[in-house]
Protein backbone atom coordinates (compact mmCIF):
# COMPACT_ATOMS: atom_id res chain seq x y z
CA MET A 1 31.82 -41.90 9.59
CA SER A 2 30.26 -43.00 12.87
CA LYS A 3 27.72 -45.80 13.08
CA SER A 4 24.31 -45.23 14.56
CA VAL A 5 21.50 -47.71 13.96
CA VAL A 6 17.89 -46.53 14.10
CA ASP A 7 14.84 -48.29 12.69
CA PRO A 8 14.44 -46.95 9.11
CA VAL A 9 10.76 -46.12 9.59
CA ARG A 10 11.46 -44.19 12.80
CA LEU A 11 14.33 -42.41 11.06
CA GLU A 12 12.06 -41.36 8.20
CA VAL A 13 9.48 -40.09 10.66
CA PHE A 14 12.15 -38.16 12.59
CA HIS A 15 13.46 -36.55 9.39
CA HIS A 16 10.03 -35.39 8.26
CA LEU A 17 8.98 -34.34 11.74
CA THR A 18 11.99 -32.08 12.35
CA SER A 19 11.72 -30.65 8.85
CA ALA A 20 8.03 -29.96 9.51
CA PHE A 21 8.95 -28.19 12.75
CA CYS A 22 11.22 -25.88 10.71
CA GLU A 23 8.52 -25.34 8.09
CA GLU A 24 6.01 -24.45 10.80
CA ALA A 25 8.46 -22.00 12.35
CA GLY A 26 8.87 -20.42 8.92
CA THR A 27 5.11 -20.04 8.65
CA ARG A 28 5.07 -18.31 12.04
CA LEU A 29 7.76 -15.91 10.81
CA MET A 30 5.88 -15.21 7.59
CA GLN A 31 2.56 -14.58 9.33
CA SER A 32 4.09 -12.41 12.06
CA ALA A 33 6.26 -10.18 9.86
CA ALA A 34 5.29 -6.66 8.83
CA SER A 35 7.30 -6.23 5.63
CA PRO A 36 6.10 -7.62 2.28
CA ASN A 37 9.64 -8.84 1.72
CA ILE A 38 9.20 -11.42 4.46
CA ARG A 39 5.43 -11.83 4.66
CA GLU A 40 4.70 -11.96 0.92
CA ARG A 41 7.99 -12.77 -0.81
CA ARG A 42 9.05 -15.22 1.92
CA ASP A 43 12.68 -14.14 1.83
CA PHE A 44 13.70 -16.11 4.92
CA SER A 45 14.93 -19.52 6.05
CA VAL A 46 14.78 -21.68 9.19
CA ALA A 47 17.05 -24.51 10.35
CA MET A 48 17.99 -26.46 13.48
CA PHE A 49 21.49 -27.46 14.53
CA ASP A 50 22.58 -29.76 17.33
CA GLY A 51 24.61 -28.61 20.32
CA ASP A 52 27.83 -29.15 18.38
CA GLY A 53 26.69 -26.85 15.59
CA ARG A 54 25.85 -29.58 13.04
CA LEU A 55 22.90 -29.02 10.71
CA ILE A 56 20.17 -31.55 11.53
CA ALA A 57 17.08 -30.29 9.70
CA GLN A 58 15.89 -27.36 7.63
CA ALA A 59 12.81 -26.11 5.88
CA ALA A 60 12.68 -26.04 2.08
CA HIS A 61 13.49 -22.34 2.00
CA ILE A 62 16.42 -20.52 0.36
CA PRO A 63 19.62 -22.45 -0.54
CA VAL A 64 22.00 -19.50 -0.21
CA HIS A 65 20.70 -18.92 3.34
CA LEU A 66 20.70 -22.50 4.50
CA GLY A 67 24.01 -23.66 3.08
CA SER A 68 25.83 -20.87 4.89
CA ALA A 69 23.86 -20.82 8.16
CA GLY A 70 26.36 -23.12 9.86
CA ASP A 71 28.90 -20.31 9.75
CA SER A 72 26.47 -18.14 11.73
CA VAL A 73 26.23 -20.74 14.47
CA ALA A 74 30.02 -21.13 14.55
CA ALA A 75 30.58 -17.36 14.70
CA ALA A 76 28.00 -16.88 17.45
CA ARG A 77 29.46 -19.74 19.52
CA ALA A 78 32.96 -18.31 19.13
CA SER A 79 31.92 -14.82 20.20
CA ILE A 80 29.32 -15.43 22.91
CA ASP A 81 29.31 -17.52 26.08
CA PHE A 82 25.66 -18.46 25.77
CA ARG A 83 23.42 -18.78 28.83
CA PRO A 84 19.75 -19.78 29.07
CA GLY A 85 17.51 -17.03 27.69
CA ASP A 86 20.15 -15.61 25.37
CA VAL A 87 19.36 -14.83 21.72
CA ALA A 88 22.01 -13.55 19.29
CA ILE A 89 21.72 -11.65 16.02
CA LEU A 90 24.32 -10.92 13.36
CA ASN A 91 24.73 -9.86 9.75
CA ASP A 92 28.50 -9.29 9.42
CA PRO A 93 29.61 -11.23 6.30
CA TYR A 94 33.05 -11.57 7.87
CA ALA A 95 31.60 -13.10 11.04
CA GLY A 96 28.98 -15.61 9.97
CA GLY A 97 26.69 -13.48 7.78
CA THR A 98 26.08 -13.35 4.03
CA HIS A 99 25.21 -9.78 3.06
CA LEU A 100 23.97 -7.06 5.39
CA PRO A 101 20.19 -7.16 4.73
CA ASP A 102 20.16 -10.82 5.81
CA ILE A 103 19.86 -10.67 9.61
CA THR A 104 20.49 -14.02 11.25
CA MET A 105 19.07 -14.94 14.65
CA VAL A 106 20.61 -17.73 16.75
CA ARG A 107 18.72 -19.11 19.75
CA PRO A 108 20.34 -21.79 21.95
CA VAL A 109 18.07 -24.31 23.66
CA PHE A 110 19.51 -25.66 26.90
CA ASP A 111 18.76 -28.85 28.81
CA PRO A 112 16.41 -28.49 31.81
CA GLY A 113 19.35 -27.83 34.14
CA GLY A 114 20.67 -25.01 31.96
CA ARG A 115 24.09 -26.61 31.69
CA ARG A 116 24.37 -27.81 28.11
CA VAL A 117 23.01 -26.60 24.78
CA ARG A 118 20.84 -29.21 23.11
CA TRP A 119 20.14 -27.29 19.92
CA PHE A 120 20.95 -24.04 18.17
CA LEU A 121 17.90 -22.74 16.32
CA VAL A 122 18.50 -20.36 13.43
CA ASN A 123 16.52 -18.20 11.10
CA ARG A 124 17.72 -15.69 8.55
CA ALA A 125 15.48 -13.03 7.05
CA HIS A 126 16.19 -10.40 4.41
CA HIS A 127 15.18 -7.03 5.87
CA ALA A 128 14.04 -4.42 3.36
CA ASP A 129 16.62 -1.94 4.69
CA VAL A 130 19.57 -1.99 7.10
CA GLY A 131 20.92 1.50 6.41
CA GLY A 132 23.81 2.48 4.19
CA SER A 133 24.01 4.92 1.34
CA ALA A 134 21.15 3.50 -0.75
CA PRO A 135 17.55 2.72 0.22
CA GLY A 136 17.18 -1.04 0.51
CA SER A 137 20.87 -1.51 1.36
CA MET A 138 21.51 -3.18 -2.01
CA GLY A 139 23.30 -0.30 -3.69
CA ILE A 140 26.62 -0.02 -5.49
CA ALA A 141 29.20 0.71 -2.82
CA ALA A 142 32.98 0.62 -2.52
CA ASP A 143 33.12 -0.72 1.04
CA LEU A 144 31.02 -2.59 3.56
CA ILE A 145 30.23 0.45 5.72
CA ALA A 146 28.49 2.16 2.79
CA GLU A 147 26.30 -0.91 2.34
CA GLY A 148 24.68 -0.61 5.76
CA LEU A 149 24.79 -1.25 9.49
CA VAL A 150 27.19 -4.08 10.36
CA LEU A 151 26.26 -6.32 13.29
CA PRO A 152 28.84 -8.79 14.60
CA PRO A 153 27.37 -11.56 16.77
CA VAL A 154 25.69 -9.65 19.63
CA LEU A 155 22.99 -10.50 22.14
CA LEU A 156 19.49 -9.32 21.31
CA ARG A 157 18.34 -10.93 24.55
CA ARG A 158 20.57 -11.48 27.55
CA ARG A 159 19.14 -14.00 30.05
CA GLY A 160 15.76 -13.33 28.50
CA GLU A 161 15.94 -9.53 28.74
CA LEU A 162 15.60 -7.59 25.50
CA GLN A 163 18.62 -5.32 24.95
CA GLN A 164 16.95 -1.96 24.41
CA ASP A 165 20.21 -0.10 23.78
CA LEU A 166 20.99 -2.39 20.85
CA LEU A 167 17.51 -1.87 19.42
CA ALA A 168 17.87 1.90 19.80
CA VAL A 169 21.12 1.91 17.81
CA PHE A 170 19.58 -0.39 15.21
CA ALA A 171 16.47 1.77 14.79
CA LYS A 172 18.56 4.95 14.31
CA ASN A 173 20.53 3.39 11.46
CA VAL A 174 17.81 1.91 9.25
CA ARG A 175 14.99 3.24 7.10
CA GLY A 176 11.48 2.27 8.12
CA ALA A 177 12.61 1.40 11.65
CA ALA A 178 9.15 0.42 12.94
CA GLU A 179 8.79 -2.23 10.26
CA ARG A 180 12.33 -3.50 10.85
CA LEU A 181 11.71 -3.90 14.58
CA LEU A 182 8.48 -5.79 13.98
CA ASP A 183 10.29 -8.13 11.62
CA LEU A 184 12.88 -8.84 14.32
CA ARG A 185 10.07 -9.71 16.73
CA ALA A 186 8.66 -12.04 14.07
CA GLN A 187 12.02 -13.79 13.86
CA GLU A 188 11.95 -14.25 17.63
CA ALA A 189 8.42 -15.68 17.52
CA SER A 190 9.52 -18.15 14.86
CA LEU A 191 12.33 -19.58 16.97
CA GLN A 192 10.14 -19.69 20.06
CA GLN A 193 7.72 -21.83 18.08
CA LEU A 194 10.50 -24.16 16.95
CA GLU A 195 11.87 -24.49 20.48
CA ALA A 196 8.44 -25.36 21.87
CA ARG A 197 8.02 -28.16 19.33
CA LEU A 198 11.46 -29.65 19.96
CA VAL A 199 11.18 -29.50 23.74
CA ALA A 200 7.75 -31.13 23.65
CA HIS A 201 9.05 -33.92 21.41
CA ALA A 202 12.07 -34.46 23.66
CA ASP A 203 9.72 -34.74 26.65
CA GLU A 204 7.70 -37.34 24.75
CA VAL A 205 10.42 -39.62 23.34
CA GLY A 206 13.49 -38.66 25.37
CA PHE A 207 16.37 -36.45 24.34
CA ALA A 208 18.71 -39.46 24.07
CA ALA A 209 16.47 -40.97 21.40
CA MET A 210 16.50 -37.67 19.48
CA GLN A 211 20.29 -37.56 19.68
CA GLN A 212 20.52 -41.09 18.34
CA ALA A 213 18.12 -40.31 15.50
CA SER A 214 20.04 -37.14 14.64
CA GLN A 215 23.31 -39.04 14.38
CA ALA A 216 21.69 -41.76 12.29
CA LEU A 217 20.21 -39.14 9.96
CA LEU A 218 23.61 -37.54 9.38
CA ASP A 219 25.17 -40.94 8.72
CA TYR A 220 22.41 -41.86 6.29
CA SER A 221 22.88 -38.68 4.24
CA GLU A 222 26.61 -39.29 4.13
CA ARG A 223 26.20 -42.89 2.93
CA ALA A 224 23.69 -41.92 0.25
CA GLY A 225 25.88 -39.03 -0.87
CA ARG A 226 28.92 -41.29 -1.15
CA ALA A 227 26.97 -43.54 -3.51
CA VAL A 228 26.45 -40.50 -5.76
CA LEU A 229 30.13 -39.55 -5.54
CA ARG A 230 31.14 -42.97 -6.82
CA ARG A 231 29.34 -42.14 -10.09
CA ILE A 232 31.65 -39.16 -10.62
CA GLY A 233 35.07 -39.75 -12.14
CA ARG A 234 38.17 -38.57 -10.36
CA GLY A 235 38.62 -35.65 -12.71
CA PRO A 236 39.86 -33.01 -12.61
CA PHE A 237 36.94 -31.28 -14.29
CA LEU A 238 37.75 -27.67 -15.12
CA ALA A 239 35.20 -24.92 -15.66
CA SER A 240 35.09 -21.13 -15.60
CA ASP A 241 32.74 -18.24 -16.28
CA GLU A 242 32.64 -14.50 -15.72
CA LEU A 243 30.65 -11.88 -13.93
CA GLU A 244 30.14 -8.97 -16.30
CA ASP A 245 31.21 -6.21 -13.90
CA ASP A 246 31.13 -5.00 -10.30
CA GLY A 247 29.11 -1.83 -10.91
CA LEU A 248 32.17 0.38 -10.41
CA GLY A 249 33.91 -0.16 -13.74
CA SER A 250 35.80 -3.40 -13.12
CA GLY A 251 35.12 -6.49 -15.14
CA PRO A 252 34.77 -9.03 -16.46
CA LEU A 253 35.53 -10.95 -13.26
CA ARG A 254 36.59 -14.57 -13.65
CA LEU A 255 35.34 -17.46 -11.54
CA ALA A 256 37.28 -20.69 -12.04
CA LEU A 257 36.74 -24.16 -10.57
CA ARG A 258 38.87 -27.28 -10.48
CA LEU A 259 36.58 -30.13 -9.41
CA GLU A 260 37.92 -33.55 -8.50
CA ARG A 261 37.12 -36.53 -6.32
CA ARG A 262 39.90 -37.06 -3.85
CA GLY A 263 40.17 -38.79 -0.49
CA GLY A 264 36.50 -39.72 -0.42
CA LYS A 265 35.44 -36.11 -0.94
CA LEU A 266 34.40 -33.90 -3.81
CA VAL A 267 36.94 -31.08 -3.80
CA PHE A 268 35.76 -27.71 -5.07
CA ASP A 269 38.95 -25.74 -5.68
CA TRP A 270 38.13 -22.09 -6.48
CA ARG A 271 41.66 -20.72 -6.25
CA GLY A 272 41.74 -19.79 -9.95
CA THR A 273 39.19 -17.05 -9.29
CA CYS A 274 40.17 -13.41 -9.84
CA PRO A 275 41.17 -10.97 -7.04
CA GLN A 276 38.40 -9.39 -5.00
CA ALA A 277 36.45 -6.60 -6.68
CA ARG A 278 36.11 -2.97 -5.66
CA GLY A 279 32.33 -3.19 -6.07
CA GLY A 280 30.02 -5.39 -4.06
CA VAL A 281 30.06 -8.67 -5.94
CA ASN A 282 32.47 -10.33 -3.53
CA CYS A 283 31.19 -13.32 -1.56
CA ASN A 284 32.53 -15.06 1.51
CA ARG A 285 33.36 -18.74 1.92
CA GLY A 286 29.97 -19.47 3.45
CA ILE A 287 28.28 -18.56 0.18
CA VAL A 288 30.83 -20.61 -1.75
CA LEU A 289 30.00 -23.57 0.47
CA ALA A 290 26.27 -23.00 -0.01
CA ALA A 291 26.60 -22.94 -3.81
CA SER A 292 28.90 -25.96 -3.88
CA VAL A 293 26.75 -28.12 -1.60
CA TYR A 294 23.67 -27.04 -3.58
CA ALA A 295 25.30 -28.28 -6.80
CA LEU A 296 26.09 -31.61 -5.14
CA ARG A 297 22.61 -31.87 -3.65
CA THR A 298 20.93 -31.45 -7.04
CA ILE A 299 22.55 -34.63 -8.37
CA CYS A 300 21.51 -36.63 -5.29
CA PRO A 301 18.16 -38.44 -4.90
CA ASP A 302 15.19 -36.14 -4.31
CA ARG A 303 14.31 -37.69 -0.95
CA LEU A 304 17.80 -37.36 0.50
CA PRO A 305 17.76 -35.28 3.72
CA THR A 306 19.98 -32.20 3.52
CA ASN A 307 22.07 -31.98 6.67
CA ALA A 308 25.65 -31.95 7.94
CA GLY A 309 26.14 -35.51 6.73
CA LEU A 310 26.10 -34.22 3.17
CA PHE A 311 28.54 -31.44 4.07
CA ARG A 312 31.07 -34.10 5.12
CA LEU A 313 31.48 -35.02 1.46
CA LEU A 314 32.80 -31.63 0.34
CA GLU A 315 36.07 -29.79 0.66
CA ILE A 316 36.11 -26.11 -0.27
CA VAL A 317 39.43 -24.52 -1.27
CA THR A 318 39.74 -20.76 -1.80
CA ALA A 319 42.48 -18.16 -1.77
CA LYS A 320 42.36 -15.13 0.51
CA GLY A 321 41.83 -11.81 -1.22
CA THR A 322 39.87 -13.26 -4.12
CA LEU A 323 36.29 -12.70 -5.25
CA VAL A 324 35.24 -15.83 -3.33
CA ASP A 325 37.23 -15.17 -0.15
CA PRO A 326 37.57 -11.38 0.18
CA LEU A 327 39.28 -9.41 2.90
CA PRO A 328 37.26 -6.88 4.90
CA PRO A 329 35.93 -4.30 4.36
CA ALA A 330 35.24 -5.41 0.79
CA PRO A 331 31.55 -4.86 -0.11
CA VAL A 332 29.39 -7.94 -0.60
CA ALA A 333 25.77 -6.92 -1.33
CA GLY A 334 25.74 -8.56 -4.75
CA GLY A 335 27.90 -11.53 -3.81
CA ASN A 336 25.07 -13.23 -1.99
CA VAL A 337 22.68 -12.83 -4.91
CA GLU A 338 24.65 -12.54 -8.16
CA THR A 339 27.97 -14.26 -7.53
CA SER A 340 26.24 -17.17 -5.80
CA GLN A 341 24.25 -17.80 -8.98
CA ARG A 342 27.38 -17.75 -11.12
CA LEU A 343 29.11 -20.16 -8.75
CA VAL A 344 26.31 -22.62 -9.43
CA ASP A 345 26.69 -22.09 -13.18
CA VAL A 346 30.39 -22.89 -12.95
CA ALA A 347 29.84 -25.90 -10.69
CA PHE A 348 27.23 -27.26 -13.11
CA ALA A 349 29.59 -26.72 -16.05
CA ALA A 350 32.14 -28.90 -14.27
CA LEU A 351 29.56 -31.53 -13.31
CA GLN A 352 28.26 -31.65 -16.90
CA GLN A 353 31.62 -33.17 -17.82
CA ALA A 354 31.21 -35.85 -15.15
CA LEU A 355 27.45 -36.52 -15.43
CA PRO A 356 26.22 -35.18 -18.79
CA GLU A 357 23.05 -37.27 -18.54
CA VAL A 358 21.93 -35.46 -15.39
CA VAL A 359 23.07 -31.82 -15.28
CA PRO A 360 20.95 -29.11 -16.99
CA ALA A 361 21.95 -26.08 -19.04
CA SER A 362 22.47 -22.73 -17.35
CA SER A 363 19.44 -20.94 -15.93
CA ALA A 364 19.04 -17.15 -15.88
CA GLY A 365 22.14 -16.84 -13.71
CA THR A 366 20.94 -13.75 -11.86
CA MET A 367 18.42 -12.75 -9.21
CA SER A 368 17.74 -9.41 -10.97
CA ASN A 369 17.56 -7.46 -7.71
CA LEU A 370 15.24 -4.46 -7.90
CA THR A 371 14.99 -1.97 -5.02
CA PHE A 372 12.86 1.16 -4.64
CA GLY A 373 13.14 3.75 -1.88
CA GLY A 374 11.66 7.13 -1.05
CA ARG A 375 8.77 8.55 0.94
CA ALA A 376 5.26 7.15 1.03
CA VAL A 377 2.07 9.22 0.91
CA GLY A 378 2.17 9.86 4.66
CA GLY A 379 5.75 11.14 4.49
CA GLU A 380 7.41 8.15 6.12
CA GLN A 381 10.48 6.56 4.56
CA PHE A 382 10.02 3.30 2.70
CA SER A 383 12.17 0.79 0.88
CA THR A 384 11.06 -2.31 -0.96
CA TYR A 385 13.12 -5.07 -2.50
CA GLU A 386 12.48 -8.07 -4.68
CA THR A 387 14.28 -10.54 -6.88
CA LEU A 388 12.78 -11.12 -10.30
CA PRO A 389 12.65 -14.64 -11.76
CA GLY A 390 14.09 -15.66 -15.11
CA GLY A 391 14.17 -18.73 -17.33
CA ALA A 392 15.29 -22.14 -16.08
CA GLY A 393 17.83 -24.07 -18.06
CA ALA A 394 16.61 -27.12 -19.96
CA SER A 395 17.66 -30.55 -18.75
CA PRO A 396 18.52 -33.71 -20.72
CA ARG A 397 14.91 -34.79 -20.15
CA ARG A 398 12.69 -31.71 -20.39
CA ALA A 399 12.42 -28.04 -21.36
CA GLY A 400 13.14 -25.32 -18.83
CA ARG A 401 10.33 -23.55 -16.99
CA ALA A 402 9.49 -19.91 -17.63
CA ALA A 403 9.66 -17.01 -15.17
CA ILE A 404 10.76 -19.02 -12.17
CA GLN A 405 13.22 -18.52 -9.33
CA THR A 406 16.18 -20.84 -9.79
CA HIS A 407 19.11 -22.24 -7.84
CA MET A 408 20.20 -20.09 -4.90
CA THR A 409 16.92 -18.24 -4.46
CA ASN A 410 13.46 -19.55 -3.74
CA THR A 411 11.23 -16.54 -3.12
CA ARG A 412 7.88 -15.36 -4.43
CA ASN A 413 6.97 -12.08 -6.11
CA THR A 414 5.37 -9.22 -4.22
CA PRO A 415 1.64 -9.25 -5.13
CA ILE A 416 0.80 -6.27 -7.32
CA GLU A 417 -2.08 -5.26 -5.04
CA GLU A 418 0.22 -5.14 -1.99
CA PHE A 419 2.95 -3.36 -3.92
CA GLU A 420 0.67 -0.61 -5.23
CA HIS A 421 -1.20 -0.21 -1.95
CA ARG A 422 1.90 0.37 0.17
CA TYR A 423 4.16 2.35 -2.15
CA PRO A 424 3.86 5.26 -4.62
CA LEU A 425 4.45 2.86 -7.51
CA ARG A 426 2.29 1.32 -10.22
CA VAL A 427 2.96 -1.95 -12.06
CA ARG A 428 2.18 -1.29 -15.72
CA GLU A 429 3.17 -4.72 -16.96
CA LEU A 430 4.19 -8.11 -15.55
CA THR A 431 4.43 -10.74 -18.26
CA VAL A 432 6.45 -13.69 -19.46
CA ARG A 433 9.13 -12.58 -21.91
CA ARG A 434 8.10 -14.86 -24.76
CA GLY A 435 10.85 -16.28 -26.96
CA SER A 436 13.70 -15.42 -24.58
CA GLY A 437 14.58 -19.04 -23.76
CA GLY A 438 17.36 -20.73 -25.70
CA LYS A 439 16.46 -22.79 -28.77
CA GLY A 440 17.26 -26.48 -29.04
CA ALA A 441 15.93 -30.00 -28.68
CA ARG A 442 14.66 -28.92 -25.27
CA SER A 443 14.12 -25.18 -25.04
CA GLY A 444 15.23 -23.01 -22.18
CA GLY A 445 12.58 -21.32 -20.07
CA ASP A 446 11.51 -17.77 -20.88
CA GLY A 447 12.37 -14.82 -18.69
CA LEU A 448 10.09 -12.12 -17.35
CA ARG A 449 9.25 -8.53 -18.26
CA LYS A 450 8.23 -6.05 -15.56
CA VAL A 451 7.42 -2.35 -15.97
CA VAL A 452 7.01 -0.17 -12.88
CA GLU A 453 5.92 3.49 -13.00
CA ALA A 454 6.80 6.00 -10.28
CA LEU A 455 3.95 8.07 -8.82
CA ALA A 456 6.35 10.11 -6.67
CA PRO A 457 10.13 10.69 -6.69
CA VAL A 458 11.90 7.40 -5.91
CA THR A 459 15.45 6.06 -5.88
CA VAL A 460 16.02 2.80 -7.74
CA THR A 461 18.91 0.37 -7.53
CA PHE A 462 19.31 -2.69 -9.72
CA LEU A 463 21.84 -5.50 -9.50
CA GLY A 464 21.74 -7.96 -12.38
CA GLU A 465 23.87 -10.18 -14.57
CA ARG A 466 23.75 -11.84 -17.98
CA HIS A 467 22.99 -8.51 -19.67
CA ALA A 468 25.90 -8.69 -22.14
CA SER A 469 25.41 -12.32 -23.18
CA GLY A 470 22.76 -14.85 -22.31
CA PRO A 471 23.02 -18.02 -20.24
CA PRO A 472 24.75 -20.77 -22.28
CA GLY A 473 23.02 -23.92 -23.40
CA ALA A 474 24.32 -27.47 -23.03
CA ALA A 475 24.91 -30.37 -25.44
CA GLY A 476 24.61 -28.05 -28.44
CA GLY A 477 21.60 -26.12 -27.18
CA GLY A 478 21.37 -22.38 -27.78
CA PRO A 479 21.80 -19.66 -25.15
CA GLY A 480 18.98 -17.74 -23.54
CA ARG A 481 18.49 -14.10 -24.43
CA PRO A 482 20.36 -11.62 -22.22
CA GLY A 483 18.60 -9.43 -19.70
CA ARG A 484 17.89 -5.75 -20.24
CA LEU A 485 17.28 -2.69 -18.05
CA GLU A 486 15.72 0.57 -19.29
CA ARG A 487 14.33 3.81 -17.92
CA THR A 488 11.52 5.66 -19.69
CA ARG A 489 11.12 9.43 -19.38
CA GLY A 490 9.08 11.87 -21.45
CA GLY A 491 8.37 9.38 -24.20
CA GLY A 492 12.00 8.31 -24.59
CA ARG A 493 13.91 5.24 -23.43
CA GLN A 494 17.38 4.97 -21.95
CA ARG A 495 19.31 1.68 -21.83
CA LEU A 496 21.01 1.22 -18.44
CA PRO A 497 23.81 -1.11 -17.38
CA GLY A 498 23.11 -4.31 -15.48
CA LYS A 499 24.14 -2.68 -12.21
CA ALA A 500 22.74 0.80 -11.79
CA ALA A 501 21.45 3.39 -9.33
CA PHE A 502 19.13 6.11 -10.65
CA GLU A 503 16.15 8.33 -9.86
CA LEU A 504 12.60 8.20 -11.15
CA GLU A 505 10.32 11.22 -11.25
CA PRO A 506 6.53 10.91 -11.35
CA GLY A 507 5.55 9.39 -14.70
CA ASP A 508 8.97 7.78 -15.26
CA ALA A 509 9.17 4.00 -15.39
CA VAL A 510 11.75 1.25 -15.13
CA ILE A 511 11.63 -1.75 -17.47
CA VAL A 512 13.31 -4.99 -16.44
CA GLU A 513 13.64 -7.95 -18.78
CA THR A 514 15.23 -10.99 -17.17
CA PRO A 515 17.34 -13.54 -19.08
CA GLY A 516 15.95 -16.74 -20.54
CA GLY A 517 17.45 -20.12 -19.72
CA GLY A 518 19.81 -22.09 -21.91
CA ALA A 519 18.53 -24.92 -24.14
CA HIS A 520 19.68 -28.54 -24.01
CA GLY A 521 20.48 -30.47 -27.17
CA ALA A 522 20.91 -29.26 -30.72
């Protein structure tokens, strides 16, 4: 650990200022975007890295995006000889991405002479469609190509010039191309905003002072994190859990963790995990890192800055060809959303052994991904995607909250008015699923119930988990109720599996009930 001394008050101001810059850039992205998925649900994240690719600051956006964004910077730097005016995009999960709908933009900011990169600015936004066999690009596929258009790190702008040939290829391979292109422009506007703020601040205080503050901030997070690590025994602490299936008939799929404190680091060893799946629940190491650092961050003080200093305290160990380190072209659509949640569940189960007075019971353990696609009233193609909240797990101190996004996601719902105005769909019901939280001294939070009716023929895909058994409680607390998916047609109901693709005709409806959280204490 290097030593860099900065006045504590100035360091606090620098931390909040750079975080506020990222938050403001996120607001620009939200307000500029065309799709409800970004503008209303806020399925995006913004962060700044230094010229060496170290995370310095981030907005309080989506953990699965932010914990893995460093891989995007590394992949872009390895593939592109950046020059002033360049902007890169990517979504390849085997080259810095997460899953294909998440398009990451990387913008280098050079010094005034154009010789050295001062910062890499990054945002990642979930686009409502990037092609593939299913509308919304969140279907059940056997390989990556069927999930959508794959973009390795490529230049969207070269020396400031927009690459029209790239945009033409992109537009021909996605549904709702006009909306997708506007969302890309919104991502650009966001990073332009962030660059303007950083450059203005550097002009005011000097870039050398910002460098010094950045280094001090990383060192501070590392020191504070090490104090937390000293509270954890050496272990090993062993934990495992299962994904129910991969949507293509394989399952259950085991995730296993050996957690121990060794050599001044918390080692997350995931090598006991099962081989990679045929269906798209595989996740890359970036997502494993994001889930692991999230679990560590939750046991740290609330005010601790999240940056590369915290990442110094972890070591991630995986085995190639497994569910958590797959080989291409294994599909990954659900790995970013479903497997990431289960990784947190397993990490918490291990940490409960080390810090039982801190770690909560399992939350819903799924993002309950619901996608609709078809043609709108005017005949144009549409796709819409959202993640549905569930119950939060109870902690040693309080009951879990109801119908809330937990752990690796942090989005909002699509407002009913917007949803019904834009798409041939009607929301019949959106309520808290009363009584679905686990029972115990401190109850788990309740899940959610949503009923959507089709007004025109639509294709639906759903990716969910915890439909066979509910999220477990802790310290003797009861489990939450499992999730449930149904289709109604002609007065009858059909139970569907937790990962499904199906059609709705006018008058049909889909019913989603999300899991409740586990209780804490008998």
